[in-house]
Amino acid sequence: MEIELAELLASLRSEINRARLEADNQDVKFRIDSIDLELQVAVEKSAEGNAGVRFWVVSLGGKATAKSTQTHTVKLSLTAETDTGDLVRTGDDVSDLLATN
């Protein structure tokens, strides 16, 4: 199964948005400060009509079959925020309850 990096990020964005919407009427919410992803990606350079470089997320048990494909580890640190720049909340921020005195 081929999953483009852009498709993976779009799915992640959709899931975070769904969690945010489902938390609207919840008593407990969680603030997303950081999302850290470590992915194995295949980098494919094509010499065909639409020449360019494409990034494919390598799934478990998957293998790259293109002739000029290399696999790399990509680490992404993301911060989820709304279109107004506010941090995404999927529940109450309980970090003050967890802080050590």
C-alpha atoms as a PDB file:
ATOM      1  CA  MET A   1       0.000   0.000   0.000  1.00  0.00           C
ATOM      2  CA  GLU A   2       1.419   3.364  -0.994  1.00  0.00           C
ATOM      3  CA  ILE A   3       0.693   6.289   1.334  1.00  0.00           C
ATOM      4  CA  GLU A   4       2.020   9.691   0.393  1.00  0.00           C
ATOM      5  CA  LEU A   5       3.418  11.831   3.198  1.00  0.00           C
ATOM      6  CA  ALA A   6       0.883  14.574   2.381  1.00  0.00           C
ATOM      7  CA  GLU A   7      -1.954  12.038   2.664  1.00  0.00           C
ATOM      8  CA  LEU A   8      -0.669  10.857   6.057  1.00  0.00           C
ATOM      9  CA  LEU A   9      -0.485  14.429   7.377  1.00  0.00           C
ATOM     10  CA  ALA A  10      -3.983  15.173   6.033  1.00  0.00           C
ATOM     11  CA  SER A  11      -5.311  12.105   7.880  1.00  0.00           C
ATOM     12  CA  LEU A  12      -3.530  13.164  11.074  1.00  0.00           C
ATOM     13  CA  ARG A  13      -5.023  16.657  10.753  1.00  0.00           C
ATOM     14  CA  SER A  14      -8.478  15.159  10.251  1.00  0.00           C
ATOM     15  CA  GLU A  15      -8.155  12.886  13.305  1.00  0.00           C
ATOM     16  CA  ILE A  16      -6.979  15.761  15.521  1.00  0.00           C
ATOM     17  CA  ASN A  17      -9.881  17.898  14.327  1.00  0.00           C
ATOM     18  CA  ARG A  18     -12.324  15.054  15.006  1.00  0.00           C
ATOM     19  CA  ALA A  19     -10.930  14.659  18.550  1.00  0.00           C
ATOM     20  CA  ARG A  20     -11.262  18.426  19.080  1.00  0.00           C
ATOM     21  CA  LEU A  21     -14.893  18.461  17.935  1.00  0.00           C
ATOM     22  CA  GLU A  22     -15.799  15.386  19.994  1.00  0.00           C
ATOM     23  CA  ALA A  23     -14.305  17.039  23.124  1.00  0.00           C
ATOM     24  CA  ASP A  24     -16.494  20.166  22.885  1.00  0.00           C
ATOM     25  CA  ASN A  25     -18.997  18.958  25.487  1.00  0.00           C
ATOM     26  CA  GLN A  26     -16.590  16.919  27.619  1.00  0.00           C
ATOM     27  CA  ASP A  27     -15.581  17.835  31.171  1.00  0.00           C
ATOM     28  CA  VAL A  28     -11.993  16.684  30.693  1.00  0.00           C
ATOM     29  CA  LYS A  29      -9.936  17.958  27.772  1.00  0.00           C
ATOM     30  CA  PHE A  30      -6.298  17.605  26.747  1.00  0.00           C
ATOM     31  CA  ARG A  31      -4.211  20.328  25.117  1.00  0.00           C
ATOM     32  CA  ILE A  32      -1.925  19.187  22.326  1.00  0.00           C
ATOM     33  CA  ASP A  33       1.387  20.975  22.755  1.00  0.00           C
ATOM     34  CA  SER A  34       3.506  18.804  20.506  1.00  0.00           C
ATOM     35  CA  ILE A  35       3.135  15.874  18.135  1.00  0.00           C
ATOM     36  CA  ASP A  36       6.299  13.935  17.419  1.00  0.00           C
ATOM     37  CA  LEU A  37       6.326  11.558  14.464  1.00  0.00           C
ATOM     38  CA  GLU A  38       9.122   9.295  13.334  1.00  0.00           C
ATOM     39  CA  LEU A  39       8.440   7.785   9.931  1.00  0.00           C
ATOM     40  CA  GLN A  40      10.200   5.511   7.515  1.00  0.00           C
ATOM     41  CA  VAL A  41       9.757   7.048   4.089  1.00  0.00           C
ATOM     42  CA  ALA A  42      10.755   6.000   0.614  1.00  0.00           C
ATOM     43  CA  VAL A  43      12.063   8.811  -1.540  1.00  0.00           C
ATOM     44  CA  GLU A  44      11.355   8.274  -5.213  1.00  0.00           C
ATOM     45  CA  LYS A  45      12.746  10.391  -8.005  1.00  0.00           C
ATOM     46  CA  SER A  46      10.829  10.075 -11.230  1.00  0.00           C
ATOM     47  CA  ALA A  47      12.068  10.911 -14.699  1.00  0.00           C
ATOM     48  CA  GLU A  48       8.624  10.516 -16.255  1.00  0.00           C
ATOM     49  CA  GLY A  49       6.342  13.285 -17.558  1.00  0.00           C
ATOM     50  CA  ASN A  50       5.731  14.808 -14.111  1.00  0.00           C
ATOM     51  CA  ALA A  51       9.341  14.545 -12.970  1.00  0.00           C
ATOM     52  CA  GLY A  52       9.962  15.289  -9.337  1.00  0.00           C
ATOM     53  CA  VAL A  53      10.583  13.793  -5.918  1.00  0.00           C
ATOM     54  CA  ARG A  54       7.842  12.045  -3.955  1.00  0.00           C
ATOM     55  CA  PHE A  55       7.802  10.850  -0.350  1.00  0.00           C
ATOM     56  CA  TRP A  56       5.965   7.629   0.480  1.00  0.00           C
ATOM     57  CA  VAL A  57       5.397   6.408   4.033  1.00  0.00           C
ATOM     58  CA  VAL A  58       6.665   2.837   4.315  1.00  0.00           C
ATOM     59  CA  SER A  59       4.084   0.623   5.984  1.00  0.00           C
ATOM     60  CA  LEU A  60       4.964  -2.400   8.092  1.00  0.00           C
ATOM     61  CA  GLY A  61       5.683  -5.322   5.842  1.00  0.00           C
ATOM     62  CA  GLY A  62       5.794  -3.009   2.857  1.00  0.00           C
ATOM     63  CA  LYS A  63       8.670  -2.637   0.494  1.00  0.00           C
ATOM     64  CA  ALA A  64       9.563  -0.141  -2.137  1.00  0.00           C
ATOM     65  CA  THR A  65       9.501  -1.507  -5.662  1.00  0.00           C
ATOM     66  CA  ALA A  66      10.629   1.510  -7.659  1.00  0.00           C
ATOM     67  CA  LYS A  67      14.110   1.202  -9.157  1.00  0.00           C
ATOM     68  CA  SER A  68      15.424   4.499  -7.810  1.00  0.00           C
ATOM     69  CA  THR A  69      13.888   4.412  -4.329  1.00  0.00           C
ATOM     70  CA  GLN A  70      15.771   4.941  -1.073  1.00  0.00           C
ATOM     71  CA  THR A  71      14.371   4.628   2.438  1.00  0.00           C
ATOM     72  CA  HIS A  72      15.028   7.302   5.067  1.00  0.00           C
ATOM     73  CA  THR A  73      13.896   8.062   8.599  1.00  0.00           C
ATOM     74  CA  VAL A  74      12.123  11.395   8.918  1.00  0.00           C
ATOM     75  CA  LYS A  75      11.393  12.966  12.304  1.00  0.00           C
ATOM     76  CA  LEU A  76       8.708  15.649  12.452  1.00  0.00           C
ATOM     77  CA  SER A  77       7.790  17.755  15.466  1.00  0.00           C
ATOM     78  CA  LEU A  78       4.430  19.409  14.961  1.00  0.00           C
ATOM     79  CA  THR A  79       2.305  21.736  17.052  1.00  0.00           C
ATOM     80  CA  ALA A  80      -1.436  21.495  16.577  1.00  0.00           C
ATOM     81  CA  GLU A  81      -3.153  24.866  16.386  1.00  0.00           C
ATOM     82  CA  THR A  82      -6.400  26.267  15.087  1.00  0.00           C
ATOM     83  CA  ASP A  83      -6.615  28.695  12.179  1.00  0.00           C
ATOM     84  CA  THR A  84      -6.566  31.525  14.747  1.00  0.00           C
ATOM     85  CA  GLY A  85      -3.273  30.284  16.222  1.00  0.00           C
ATOM     86  CA  ASP A  86      -4.785  28.813  19.406  1.00  0.00           C
ATOM     87  CA  LEU A  87      -3.471  25.466  20.632  1.00  0.00           C
ATOM     88  CA  VAL A  88      -5.829  22.570  19.958  1.00  0.00           C
ATOM     89  CA  ARG A  89      -7.677  21.270  22.980  1.00  0.00           C
ATOM     90  CA  THR A  90      -9.131  17.796  22.919  1.00  0.00           C
ATOM     91  CA  GLY A  91      -9.924  17.954  26.660  1.00  0.00           C
ATOM     92  CA  ASP A  92      -9.074  19.995  29.818  1.00  0.00           C
ATOM     93  CA  ASP A  93      -5.427  20.857  30.336  1.00  0.00           C
ATOM     94  CA  VAL A  94      -4.578  18.943  33.515  1.00  0.00           C
ATOM     95  CA  SER A  95      -0.862  19.785  33.531  1.00  0.00           C
ATOM     96  CA  ASP A  96      -1.285  21.946  36.657  1.00  0.00           C
ATOM     97  CA  LEU A  97      -2.660  18.899  38.478  1.00  0.00           C
ATOM     98  CA  LEU A  98       0.362  16.845  37.428  1.00  0.00           C
ATOM     99  CA  ALA A  99       2.986  19.475  38.353  1.00  0.00           C
ATOM    100  CA  THR A 100       5.241  18.590  41.253  1.00  0.00           C
ATOM    101  CA  ASN A 101       5.509  21.119  44.071  1.00  0.00           C
END
